[in-house]
């Protein structure tokens, strides 16, 4: 029997594992900055306005 019953679950778990392996050695601050940068790039690519706080919370 296959590990995952649905292809979508297989895909989700592969993506999560890849993301974990790419970020497991980052500090929380580095992870926040990496996520913020990716979100900003995605918003710009989709033509959305990226709003960010002027106050750092970390």
Protein backbone atom coordinates (compact mmCIF):
# COMPACT_ATOMS: atom_id res chain seq x y z
CA UNK A 1 0.00 0.00 0.00
CA UNK A 2 1.22 3.48 -0.84
CA UNK A 3 2.24 5.81 1.94
CA UNK A 4 -0.19 8.54 0.81
CA UNK A 5 -3.65 7.73 -0.49
CA UNK A 6 -3.96 10.92 -2.53
CA UNK A 7 -1.50 12.53 -4.93
CA UNK A 8 -2.24 15.94 -3.43
CA UNK A 9 -1.08 14.73 0.00
CA UNK A 10 2.06 13.30 -1.54
CA UNK A 11 2.80 16.64 -3.22
CA UNK A 12 2.08 18.65 -0.05
CA UNK A 13 4.40 16.49 2.05
CA UNK A 14 7.19 16.68 -0.52
CA UNK A 15 6.95 20.48 -0.57
CA UNK A 16 6.86 20.69 3.24
CA UNK A 17 9.88 18.39 3.53
CA UNK A 18 11.83 20.43 0.98
CA UNK A 19 10.94 23.68 2.79
CA UNK A 20 11.93 22.20 6.15
CA UNK A 21 15.28 21.04 4.79
CA UNK A 22 15.93 24.49 3.29
CA UNK A 23 15.07 26.39 6.48
CA UNK A 24 15.94 24.13 9.41
CA UNK A 25 19.31 25.82 10.00
CA UNK A 26 17.98 29.39 9.90
CA UNK A 27 17.53 31.47 13.01
CA UNK A 28 14.01 32.77 13.67
CA UNK A 29 15.08 36.24 12.49
CA UNK A 30 16.54 34.84 9.25
CA UNK A 31 13.39 32.80 8.64
CA UNK A 32 11.17 35.86 9.16
CA UNK A 33 13.26 37.93 6.74
CA UNK A 34 13.30 35.15 4.14
CA UNK A 35 9.52 34.75 4.40
CA UNK A 36 8.95 38.51 4.20
CA UNK A 37 11.14 38.82 1.11
CA UNK A 38 9.39 35.93 -0.61
CA UNK A 39 5.96 37.36 0.22
CA UNK A 40 6.96 40.77 -1.10
CA UNK A 41 8.29 39.29 -4.36
CA UNK A 42 5.12 37.22 -4.80
CA UNK A 43 2.87 40.22 -4.16
CA UNK A 44 4.77 42.31 -6.71
CA UNK A 45 4.63 39.51 -9.30
CA UNK A 46 0.85 39.32 -8.85
CA UNK A 47 0.47 43.08 -9.04
CA UNK A 48 -0.54 43.41 -5.39
CA UNK A 49 0.45 46.10 -2.95
CA UNK A 50 2.78 44.85 -0.21
CA UNK A 51 2.19 46.57 3.11
CA UNK A 52 4.71 46.14 5.89
CA UNK A 53 4.93 47.41 9.41
CA UNK A 54 7.46 50.11 10.19
CA UNK A 55 7.90 48.63 13.65
CA UNK A 56 9.92 45.44 14.01
CA UNK A 57 8.37 42.93 16.39
CA UNK A 58 11.44 40.77 16.90
